[in-house]
Amino acid sequence: MVEMLVLFSQQWCSSLYICNGLLQTLSEDTHSQLKKNVYENYGQFMTTAKEIEFLESEMYQLSHMITEQRNTLQKMAETSILGDKVRREHFY
């Protein structure tokens, strides 16, 4: 019985050693592939980041323009042709 346990433990340790080696190899391969993909896609990432920055700037400008237009329209709506103030409650 003891001999069977020793044999089993030796085989088990051998299997663990093999699995550990396979995991190490897979880890290294995955690391290499990830590094390669980062280098290959870096240019595209930078281009996309610049496009996003440009679009954010345009969105900010549009928001500012819309606010100015809204304020102008409110002022126009509040003033009648005769120059007197119109009640605001009708315009919101």
PDB file of N, CA and C in Angstrom:
ATOM      1  N   MET A   1       0.815  -1.188   0.000  1.00  0.00           N
ATOM      2  CA  MET A   1       0.000   0.000   0.000  1.00  0.00           C
ATOM      3  C   MET A   1       0.870   1.269   0.000  1.00  0.00           C
ATOM      4  N   VAL A   2       1.903   1.300   0.811  1.00  0.00           N
ATOM      5  CA  VAL A   2       2.806   2.449   0.880  1.00  0.00           C
ATOM      6  C   VAL A   2       3.491   2.653  -0.465  1.00  0.00           C
ATOM      7  N   GLU A   3       3.874   1.548  -1.109  1.00  0.00           N
ATOM      8  CA  GLU A   3       4.534   1.649  -2.408  1.00  0.00           C
ATOM      9  C   GLU A   3       3.608   2.277  -3.441  1.00  0.00           C
ATOM     10  N   MET A   4       2.310   1.947  -3.355  1.00  0.00           N
ATOM     11  CA  MET A   4       1.340   2.525  -4.293  1.00  0.00           C
ATOM     12  C   MET A   4       1.197   4.036  -4.062  1.00  0.00           C
ATOM     13  N   LEU A   5       1.213   4.427  -2.796  1.00  0.00           N
ATOM     14  CA  LEU A   5       1.115   5.857  -2.484  1.00  0.00           C
ATOM     15  C   LEU A   5       2.338   6.612  -2.976  1.00  0.00           C
ATOM     16  N   VAL A   6       3.512   6.025  -2.808  1.00  0.00           N
ATOM     17  CA  VAL A   6       4.741   6.660  -3.288  1.00  0.00           C
ATOM     18  C   VAL A   6       4.697   6.787  -4.803  1.00  0.00           C
ATOM     19  N   LEU A   7       4.286   5.728  -5.497  1.00  0.00           N
ATOM     20  CA  LEU A   7       4.189   5.747  -6.950  1.00  0.00           C
ATOM     21  C   LEU A   7       3.179   6.795  -7.406  1.00  0.00           C
ATOM     22  N   PHE A   8       2.035   6.831  -6.739  1.00  0.00           N
ATOM     23  CA  PHE A   8       0.996   7.814  -7.077  1.00  0.00           C
ATOM     24  C   PHE A   8       1.510   9.237  -6.864  1.00  0.00           C
ATOM     25  N   SER A   9       2.170   9.490  -5.749  1.00  0.00           N
ATOM     26  CA  SER A   9       2.680  10.834  -5.459  1.00  0.00           C
ATOM     27  C   SER A   9       3.753  11.236  -6.462  1.00  0.00           C
ATOM     28  N   GLN A  10       4.580  10.290  -6.894  1.00  0.00           N
ATOM     29  CA  GLN A  10       5.611  10.595  -7.888  1.00  0.00           C
ATOM     30  C   GLN A  10       4.968  10.975  -9.222  1.00  0.00           C
ATOM     31  N   GLN A  11       3.939  10.216  -9.605  1.00  0.00           N
ATOM     32  CA  GLN A  11       3.246  10.507 -10.864  1.00  0.00           C
ATOM     33  C   GLN A  11       2.513  11.846 -10.782  1.00  0.00           C
ATOM     34  N   TRP A  12       1.928  12.083  -9.620  1.00  0.00           N
ATOM     35  CA  TRP A  12       1.188  13.327  -9.415  1.00  0.00           C
ATOM     36  C   TRP A  12       2.139  14.524  -9.487  1.00  0.00           C
ATOM     37  N   CYS A  13       3.266  14.409  -8.845  1.00  0.00           N
ATOM     38  CA  CYS A  13       4.260  15.490  -8.884  1.00  0.00           C
ATOM     39  C   CYS A  13       4.780  15.696 -10.298  1.00  0.00           C
ATOM     40  N   SER A  14       4.982  14.602 -11.013  1.00  0.00           N
ATOM     41  CA  SER A  14       5.441  14.687 -12.389  1.00  0.00           C
ATOM     42  C   SER A  14       4.389  15.394 -13.239  1.00  0.00           C
ATOM     43  N   SER A  15       3.121  15.069 -13.035  1.00  0.00           N
ATOM     44  CA  SER A  15       2.028  15.716 -13.772  1.00  0.00           C
ATOM     45  C   SER A  15       1.978  17.205 -13.446  1.00  0.00           C
ATOM     46  N   LEU A  16       2.157  17.546 -12.185  1.00  0.00           N
ATOM     47  CA  LEU A  16       2.160  18.956 -11.788  1.00  0.00           C
ATOM     48  C   LEU A  16       3.318  19.703 -12.438  1.00  0.00           C
ATOM     49  N   TYR A  17       4.464  19.084 -12.499  1.00  0.00           N
ATOM     50  CA  TYR A  17       5.625  19.698 -13.112  1.00  0.00           C
ATOM     51  C   TYR A  17       5.365  19.976 -14.593  1.00  0.00           C
ATOM     52  N   ILE A  18       4.762  18.988 -15.267  1.00  0.00           N
ATOM     53  CA  ILE A  18       4.436  19.147 -16.694  1.00  0.00           C
ATOM     54  C   ILE A  18       3.405  20.271 -16.873  1.00  0.00           C
ATOM     55  N   CYS A  19       2.357  20.278 -16.036  1.00  0.00           N
ATOM     56  CA  CYS A  19       1.329  21.315 -16.113  1.00  0.00           C
ATOM     57  C   CYS A  19       1.912  22.694 -15.837  1.00  0.00           C
ATOM     58  N   ASN A  20       2.781  22.760 -14.865  1.00  0.00           N
ATOM     59  CA  ASN A  20       3.422  24.027 -14.549  1.00  0.00           C
ATOM     60  C   ASN A  20       4.236  24.526 -15.743  1.00  0.00           C
ATOM     61  N   GLY A  21       4.951  23.630 -16.384  1.00  0.00           N
ATOM     62  CA  GLY A  21       5.732  23.998 -17.567  1.00  0.00           C
ATOM     63  C   GLY A  21       4.841  24.472 -18.700  1.00  0.00           C
ATOM     64  N   LEU A  22       3.706  23.779 -18.908  1.00  0.00           N
ATOM     65  CA  LEU A  22       2.770  24.191 -19.958  1.00  0.00           C
ATOM     66  C   LEU A  22       2.173  25.567 -19.653  1.00  0.00           C
ATOM     67  N   LEU A  23       1.810  25.782 -18.405  1.00  0.00           N
ATOM     68  CA  LEU A  23       1.257  27.072 -18.016  1.00  0.00           C
ATOM     69  C   LEU A  23       2.280  28.187 -18.208  1.00  0.00           C
ATOM     70  N   GLN A  24       3.511  27.917 -17.869  1.00  0.00           N
ATOM     71  CA  GLN A  24       4.575  28.915 -18.040  1.00  0.00           C
ATOM     72  C   GLN A  24       4.750  29.252 -19.520  1.00  0.00           C
ATOM     73  N   THR A  25       4.750  28.224 -20.367  1.00  0.00           N
ATOM     74  CA  THR A  25       4.889  28.435 -21.810  1.00  0.00           C
ATOM     75  C   THR A  25       3.715  29.246 -22.353  1.00  0.00           C
ATOM     76  N   LEU A  26       2.489  28.875 -21.942  1.00  0.00           N
ATOM     77  CA  LEU A  26       1.305  29.616 -22.387  1.00  0.00           C
ATOM     78  C   LEU A  26       1.350  31.068 -21.918  1.00  0.00           C
ATOM     79  N   SER A  27       1.798  31.273 -20.704  1.00  0.00           N
ATOM     80  CA  SER A  27       1.902  32.627 -20.167  1.00  0.00           C
ATOM     81  C   SER A  27       2.878  33.467 -20.989  1.00  0.00           C
ATOM     82  N   GLU A  28       4.019  32.893 -21.301  1.00  0.00           N
ATOM     83  CA  GLU A  28       5.019  33.613 -22.095  1.00  0.00           C
ATOM     84  C   GLU A  28       4.512  33.902 -23.505  1.00  0.00           C
ATOM     85  N   ASP A  29       3.842  32.921 -24.121  1.00  0.00           N
ATOM     86  CA  ASP A  29       3.281  33.119 -25.462  1.00  0.00           C
ATOM     87  C   ASP A  29       2.210  34.217 -25.452  1.00  0.00           C
ATOM     88  N   THR A  30       1.363  34.195 -24.444  1.00  0.00           N
ATOM     89  CA  THR A  30       0.310  35.201 -24.330  1.00  0.00           C
ATOM     90  C   THR A  30       0.915  36.580 -24.142  1.00  0.00           C
ATOM     91  N   HIS A  31       1.926  36.678 -23.298  1.00  0.00           N
ATOM     92  CA  HIS A  31       2.612  37.956 -23.077  1.00  0.00           C
ATOM     93  C   HIS A  31       3.216  38.473 -24.380  1.00  0.00           C
ATOM     94  N   SER A  32       3.868  37.610 -25.117  1.00  0.00           N
ATOM     95  CA  SER A  32       4.492  38.013 -26.384  1.00  0.00           C
ATOM     96  C   SER A  32       3.443  38.484 -27.389  1.00  0.00           C
ATOM     97  N   GLN A  33       2.336  37.744 -27.469  1.00  0.00           N
ATOM     98  CA  GLN A  33       1.276  38.108 -28.419  1.00  0.00           C
ATOM     99  C   GLN A  33       0.629  39.437 -28.038  1.00  0.00           C
ATOM    100  N   LEU A  34       0.399  39.643 -26.761  1.00  0.00           N
ATOM    101  CA  LEU A  34      -0.182  40.897 -26.293  1.00  0.00           C
ATOM    102  C   LEU A  34       0.750  42.069 -26.607  1.00  0.00           C
ATOM    103  N   LYS A  35       2.018  41.896 -26.335  1.00  0.00           N
ATOM    104  CA  LYS A  35       3.009  42.941 -26.615  1.00  0.00           C
ATOM    105  C   LYS A  35       3.039  43.263 -28.111  1.00  0.00           C
ATOM    106  N   LYS A  36       2.990  42.232 -28.938  1.00  0.00           N
ATOM    107  CA  LYS A  36       2.992  42.409 -30.389  1.00  0.00           C
ATOM    108  C   LYS A  36       1.750  43.181 -30.831  1.00  0.00           C
ATOM    109  N   ASN A  37       0.594  42.815 -30.287  1.00  0.00           N
ATOM    110  CA  ASN A  37      -0.653  43.498 -30.647  1.00  0.00           C
ATOM    111  C   ASN A  37      -0.638  44.961 -30.227  1.00  0.00           C
ATOM    112  N   VAL A  38      -0.073  45.253 -29.066  1.00  0.00           N
ATOM    113  CA  VAL A  38       0.017  46.647 -28.603  1.00  0.00           C
ATOM    114  C   VAL A  38       0.866  47.452 -29.576  1.00  0.00           C
ATOM    115  N   TYR A  39       2.015  46.936 -29.965  1.00  0.00           N
ATOM    116  CA  TYR A  39       2.883  47.655 -30.897  1.00  0.00           C
ATOM    117  C   TYR A  39       2.225  47.831 -32.263  1.00  0.00           C
ATOM    118  N   GLU A  40       1.531  46.795 -32.729  1.00  0.00           N
ATOM    119  CA  GLU A  40       0.892  46.867 -34.045  1.00  0.00           C
ATOM    120  C   GLU A  40      -0.254  47.878 -34.063  1.00  0.00           C
ATOM    121  N   ASN A  41      -0.965  48.023 -32.957  1.00  0.00           N
ATOM    122  CA  ASN A  41      -2.148  48.872 -32.917  1.00  0.00           C
ATOM    123  C   ASN A  41      -1.902  50.239 -32.302  1.00  0.00           C
ATOM    124  N   TYR A  42      -0.675  50.546 -31.932  1.00  0.00           N
ATOM    125  CA  TYR A  42      -0.375  51.805 -31.267  1.00  0.00           C
ATOM    126  C   TYR A  42      -0.723  53.007 -32.146  1.00  0.00           C
ATOM    127  N   GLY A  43      -0.360  52.955 -33.400  1.00  0.00           N
ATOM    128  CA  GLY A  43      -0.651  54.057 -34.319  1.00  0.00           C
ATOM    129  C   GLY A  43      -2.145  54.299 -34.443  1.00  0.00           C
ATOM    130  N   GLN A  44      -2.891  53.222 -34.579  1.00  0.00           N
ATOM    131  CA  GLN A  44      -4.346  53.344 -34.687  1.00  0.00           C
ATOM    132  C   GLN A  44      -4.930  53.908 -33.387  1.00  0.00           C
ATOM    133  N   PHE A  45      -4.394  53.482 -32.264  1.00  0.00           N
ATOM    134  CA  PHE A  45      -4.855  53.989 -30.963  1.00  0.00           C
ATOM    135  C   PHE A  45      -4.615  55.496 -30.875  1.00  0.00           C
ATOM    136  N   MET A  46      -3.439  55.944 -31.263  1.00  0.00           N
ATOM    137  CA  MET A  46      -3.114  57.368 -31.197  1.00  0.00           C
ATOM    138  C   MET A  46      -4.001  58.180 -32.140  1.00  0.00           C
ATOM    139  N   THR A  47      -4.243  57.675 -33.341  1.00  0.00           N
ATOM    140  CA  THR A  47      -5.127  58.360 -34.283  1.00  0.00           C
ATOM    141  C   THR A  47      -6.536  58.483 -33.712  1.00  0.00           C
ATOM    142  N   THR A  48      -7.024  57.404 -33.143  1.00  0.00           N
ATOM    143  CA  THR A  48      -8.362  57.410 -32.546  1.00  0.00           C
ATOM    144  C   THR A  48      -8.429  58.373 -31.372  1.00  0.00           C
ATOM    145  N   ALA A  49      -7.401  58.398 -30.547  1.00  0.00           N
ATOM    146  CA  ALA A  49      -7.374  59.310 -29.394  1.00  0.00           C
ATOM    147  C   ALA A  49      -7.416  60.765 -29.863  1.00  0.00           C
ATOM    148  N   LYS A  50      -6.703  61.091 -30.932  1.00  0.00           N
ATOM    149  CA  LYS A  50      -6.711  62.457 -31.468  1.00  0.00           C
ATOM    150  C   LYS A  50      -8.084  62.805 -32.032  1.00  0.00           C
ATOM    151  N   GLU A  51      -8.718  61.852 -32.708  1.00  0.00           N
ATOM    152  CA  GLU A  51     -10.059  62.090 -33.242  1.00  0.00           C
ATOM    153  C   GLU A  51     -11.059  62.333 -32.111  1.00  0.00           C
ATOM    154  N   ILE A  52     -10.937  61.578 -31.044  1.00  0.00           N
ATOM    155  CA  ILE A  52     -11.824  61.753 -29.887  1.00  0.00           C
ATOM    156  C   ILE A  52     -11.615  63.136 -29.285  1.00  0.00           C
ATOM    157  N   GLU A  53     -10.370  63.553 -29.149  1.00  0.00           N
ATOM    158  CA  GLU A  53     -10.073  64.876 -28.598  1.00  0.00           C
ATOM    159  C   GLU A  53     -10.679  65.974 -29.471  1.00  0.00           C
ATOM    160  N   PHE A  54     -10.573  65.828 -30.796  1.00  0.00           N
ATOM    161  CA  PHE A  54     -11.147  66.795 -31.729  1.00  0.00           C
ATOM    162  C   PHE A  54     -12.665  66.838 -31.589  1.00  0.00           C
ATOM    163  N   LEU A  55     -13.298  65.672 -31.517  1.00  0.00           N
ATOM    164  CA  LEU A  55     -14.754  65.613 -31.384  1.00  0.00           C
ATOM    165  C   LEU A  55     -15.223  66.208 -30.056  1.00  0.00           C
ATOM    166  N   GLU A  56     -14.475  65.995 -28.996  1.00  0.00           N
ATOM    167  CA  GLU A  56     -14.820  66.602 -27.704  1.00  0.00           C
ATOM    168  C   GLU A  56     -14.791  68.113 -27.806  1.00  0.00           C
ATOM    169  N   SER A  57     -13.795  68.642 -28.487  1.00  0.00           N
ATOM    170  CA  SER A  57     -13.683  70.086 -28.670  1.00  0.00           C
ATOM    171  C   SER A  57     -14.871  70.615 -29.472  1.00  0.00           C
ATOM    172  N   GLU A  58     -15.229  69.926 -30.535  1.00  0.00           N
ATOM    173  CA  GLU A  58     -16.382  70.340 -31.346  1.00  0.00           C
ATOM    174  C   GLU A  58     -17.678  70.289 -30.534  1.00  0.00           C
ATOM    175  N   MET A  59     -17.825  69.267 -29.725  1.00  0.00           N
ATOM    176  CA  MET A  59     -19.031  69.151 -28.896  1.00  0.00           C
ATOM    177  C   MET A  59     -19.118  70.306 -27.911  1.00  0.00           C
ATOM    178  N   TYR A  60     -17.996  70.689 -27.335  1.00  0.00           N
ATOM    179  CA  TYR A  60     -17.974  71.817 -26.412  1.00  0.00           C
ATOM    180  C   TYR A  60     -18.371  73.100 -27.140  1.00  0.00           C
ATOM    181  N   GLN A  61     -17.828  73.311 -28.329  1.00  0.00           N
ATOM    182  CA  GLN A  61     -18.153  74.502 -29.110  1.00  0.00           C
ATOM    183  C   GLN A  61     -19.635  74.529 -29.478  1.00  0.00           C
ATOM    184  N   LEU A  62     -20.167  73.387 -29.892  1.00  0.00           N
ATOM    185  CA  LEU A  62     -21.592  73.316 -30.233  1.00  0.00           C
ATOM    186  C   LEU A  62     -22.461  73.610 -29.018  1.00  0.00           C
ATOM    187  N   SER A  63     -22.081  73.081 -27.886  1.00  0.00           N
ATOM    188  CA  SER A  63     -22.836  73.332 -26.658  1.00  0.00           C
ATOM    189  C   SER A  63     -22.850  74.826 -26.339  1.00  0.00           C
ATOM    190  N   HIS A  64     -21.693  75.467 -26.489  1.00  0.00           N
ATOM    191  CA  HIS A  64     -21.595  76.904 -26.239  1.00  0.00           C
ATOM    192  C   HIS A  64     -22.469  77.682 -27.225  1.00  0.00           C
ATOM    193  N   MET A  65     -22.439  77.315 -28.484  1.00  0.00           N
ATOM    194  CA  MET A  65     -23.249  77.993 -29.497  1.00  0.00           C
ATOM    195  C   MET A  65     -24.739  77.815 -29.225  1.00  0.00           C
ATOM    196  N   ILE A  66     -25.148  76.637 -28.836  1.00  0.00           N
ATOM    197  CA  ILE A  66     -26.558  76.386 -28.528  1.00  0.00           C
ATOM    198  C   ILE A  66     -27.009  77.229 -27.343  1.00  0.00           C
ATOM    199  N   THR A  67     -26.149  77.327 -26.336  1.00  0.00           N
ATOM    200  CA  THR A  67     -26.475  78.160 -25.177  1.00  0.00           C
ATOM    201  C   THR A  67     -26.646  79.616 -25.593  1.00  0.00           C
ATOM    202  N   GLU A  68     -25.740  80.123 -26.427  1.00  0.00           N
ATOM    203  CA  GLU A  68     -25.854  81.503 -26.907  1.00  0.00           C
ATOM    204  C   GLU A  68     -27.136  81.703 -27.706  1.00  0.00           C
ATOM    205  N   GLN A  69     -27.470  80.755 -28.574  1.00  0.00           N
ATOM    206  CA  GLN A  69     -28.693  80.854 -29.377  1.00  0.00           C
ATOM    207  C   GLN A  69     -29.937  80.840 -28.485  1.00  0.00           C
ATOM    208  N   ARG A  70     -29.938  79.976 -27.481  1.00  0.00           N
ATOM    209  CA  ARG A  70     -31.071  79.899 -26.562  1.00  0.00           C
ATOM    210  C   ARG A  70     -31.248  81.226 -25.825  1.00  0.00           C
ATOM    211  N   ASN A  71     -30.153  81.786 -25.341  1.00  0.00           N
ATOM    212  CA  ASN A  71     -30.227  83.064 -24.631  1.00  0.00           C
ATOM    213  C   ASN A  71     -30.719  84.179 -25.549  1.00  0.00           C
ATOM    214  N   THR A  72     -30.241  84.205 -26.782  1.00  0.00           N
ATOM    215  CA  THR A  72     -30.681  85.215 -27.744  1.00  0.00           C
ATOM    216  C   THR A  72     -32.170  85.085 -28.016  1.00  0.00           C
ATOM    217  N   LEU A  73     -32.639  83.865 -28.235  1.00  0.00           N
ATOM    218  CA  LEU A  73     -34.063  83.642 -28.497  1.00  0.00           C
ATOM    219  C   LEU A  73     -34.920  84.022 -27.301  1.00  0.00           C
ATOM    220  N   GLN A  74     -34.438  83.740 -26.107  1.00  0.00           N
ATOM    221  CA  GLN A  74     -35.192  84.130 -24.909  1.00  0.00           C
ATOM    222  C   GLN A  74     -35.309  85.640 -24.811  1.00  0.00           C
ATOM    223  N   LYS A  75     -34.208  86.324 -25.070  1.00  0.00           N
ATOM    224  CA  LYS A  75     -34.245  87.800 -25.018  1.00  0.00           C
ATOM    225  C   LYS A  75     -35.182  88.357 -26.082  1.00  0.00           C
ATOM    226  N   MET A  76     -35.148  87.787 -27.276  1.00  0.00           N
ATOM    227  CA  MET A  76     -36.040  88.238 -28.346  1.00  0.00           C
ATOM    228  C   MET A  76     -37.493  87.976 -27.981  1.00  0.00           C
ATOM    229  N   ALA A  77     -37.754  86.835 -27.387  1.00  0.00           N
ATOM    230  CA  ALA A  77     -39.124  86.482 -27.031  1.00  0.00           C
ATOM    231  C   ALA A  77     -39.651  87.353 -25.900  1.00  0.00           C
ATOM    232  N   GLU A  78     -38.764  87.845 -25.061  1.00  0.00           N
ATOM    233  CA  GLU A  78     -39.187  88.670 -23.930  1.00  0.00           C
ATOM    234  C   GLU A  78     -39.473  90.114 -24.338  1.00  0.00           C
ATOM    235  N   THR A  79     -39.003  90.520 -25.466  1.00  0.00           N
ATOM    236  CA  THR A  79     -39.150  91.909 -25.893  1.00  0.00           C
ATOM    237  C   THR A  79     -40.135  91.977 -27.050  1.00  0.00           C
ATOM    238  N   SER A  80     -41.134  92.817 -26.904  1.00  0.00           N
ATOM    239  CA  SER A  80     -42.102  92.980 -27.989  1.00  0.00           C
ATOM    240  C   SER A  80     -41.565  94.013 -28.980  1.00  0.00           C
ATOM    241  N   ILE A  81     -42.295  94.207 -30.032  1.00  0.00           N
ATOM    242  CA  ILE A  81     -41.917  95.184 -31.051  1.00  0.00           C
ATOM    243  C   ILE A  81     -41.918  96.597 -30.460  1.00  0.00           C
ATOM    244  N   LEU A  82     -42.770  96.818 -29.506  1.00  0.00           N
ATOM    245  CA  LEU A  82     -42.891  98.149 -28.905  1.00  0.00           C
ATOM    246  C   LEU A  82     -41.819  98.410 -27.860  1.00  0.00           C
ATOM    247  N   GLY A  83     -41.006  97.411 -27.547  1.00  0.00           N
ATOM    248  CA  GLY A  83     -39.914  97.598 -26.612  1.00  0.00           C
ATOM    249  C   GLY A  83     -40.279  97.295 -25.172  1.00  0.00           C
ATOM    250  N   ASP A  84     -41.544  96.963 -24.913  1.00  0.00           N
ATOM    251  CA  ASP A  84     -41.892  96.631 -23.533  1.00  0.00           C
ATOM    252  C   ASP A  84     -41.677  95.136 -23.288  1.00  0.00           C
ATOM    253  N   LYS A  85     -41.527  94.803 -22.027  1.00  0.00           N
ATOM    254  CA  LYS A  85     -41.244  93.406 -21.666  1.00  0.00           C
ATOM    255  C   LYS A  85     -42.510  92.563 -21.766  1.00  0.00           C
ATOM    256  N   VAL A  86     -42.357  91.329 -22.257  1.00  0.00           N
ATOM    257  CA  VAL A  86     -43.444  90.365 -22.341  1.00  0.00           C
ATOM    258  C   VAL A  86     -43.270  89.394 -21.192  1.00  0.00           C
ATOM    259  N   ARG A  87     -44.380  88.902 -20.649  1.00  0.00           N
ATOM    260  CA  ARG A  87     -44.271  87.963 -19.524  1.00  0.00           C
ATOM    261  C   ARG A  87     -43.550  86.696 -19.970  1.00  0.00           C
ATOM    262  N   ARG A  88     -42.622  86.233 -19.142  1.00  0.00           N
ATOM    263  CA  ARG A  88     -41.755  85.090 -19.471  1.00  0.00           C
ATOM    264  C   ARG A  88     -42.469  83.753 -19.377  1.00  0.00           C
ATOM    265  N   GLU A  89     -43.518  83.644 -18.639  1.00  0.00           N
ATOM    266  CA  GLU A  89     -44.125  82.333 -18.370  1.00  0.00           C
ATOM    267  C   GLU A  89     -44.604  81.641 -19.640  1.00  0.00           C
ATOM    268  N   HIS A  90     -44.842  82.381 -20.697  1.00  0.00           N
ATOM    269  CA  HIS A  90     -45.347  81.779 -21.943  1.00  0.00           C
ATOM    270  C   HIS A  90     -44.242  81.162 -22.792  1.00  0.00           C
ATOM    271  N   PHE A  91     -42.999  81.369 -22.436  1.00  0.00           N
ATOM    272  CA  PHE A  91     -41.909  80.943 -23.304  1.00  0.00           C
ATOM    273  C   PHE A  91     -41.107  79.770 -22.758  1.00  0.00           C
ATOM    274  N   TYR A  92     -41.553  79.154 -21.683  1.00  0.00           N
ATOM    275  CA  TYR A  92     -40.788  78.030 -21.111  1.00  0.00           C
ATOM    276  C   TYR A  92     -41.581  76.772 -21.099  1.00  0.00           C
TER     277      TYR A  92
END
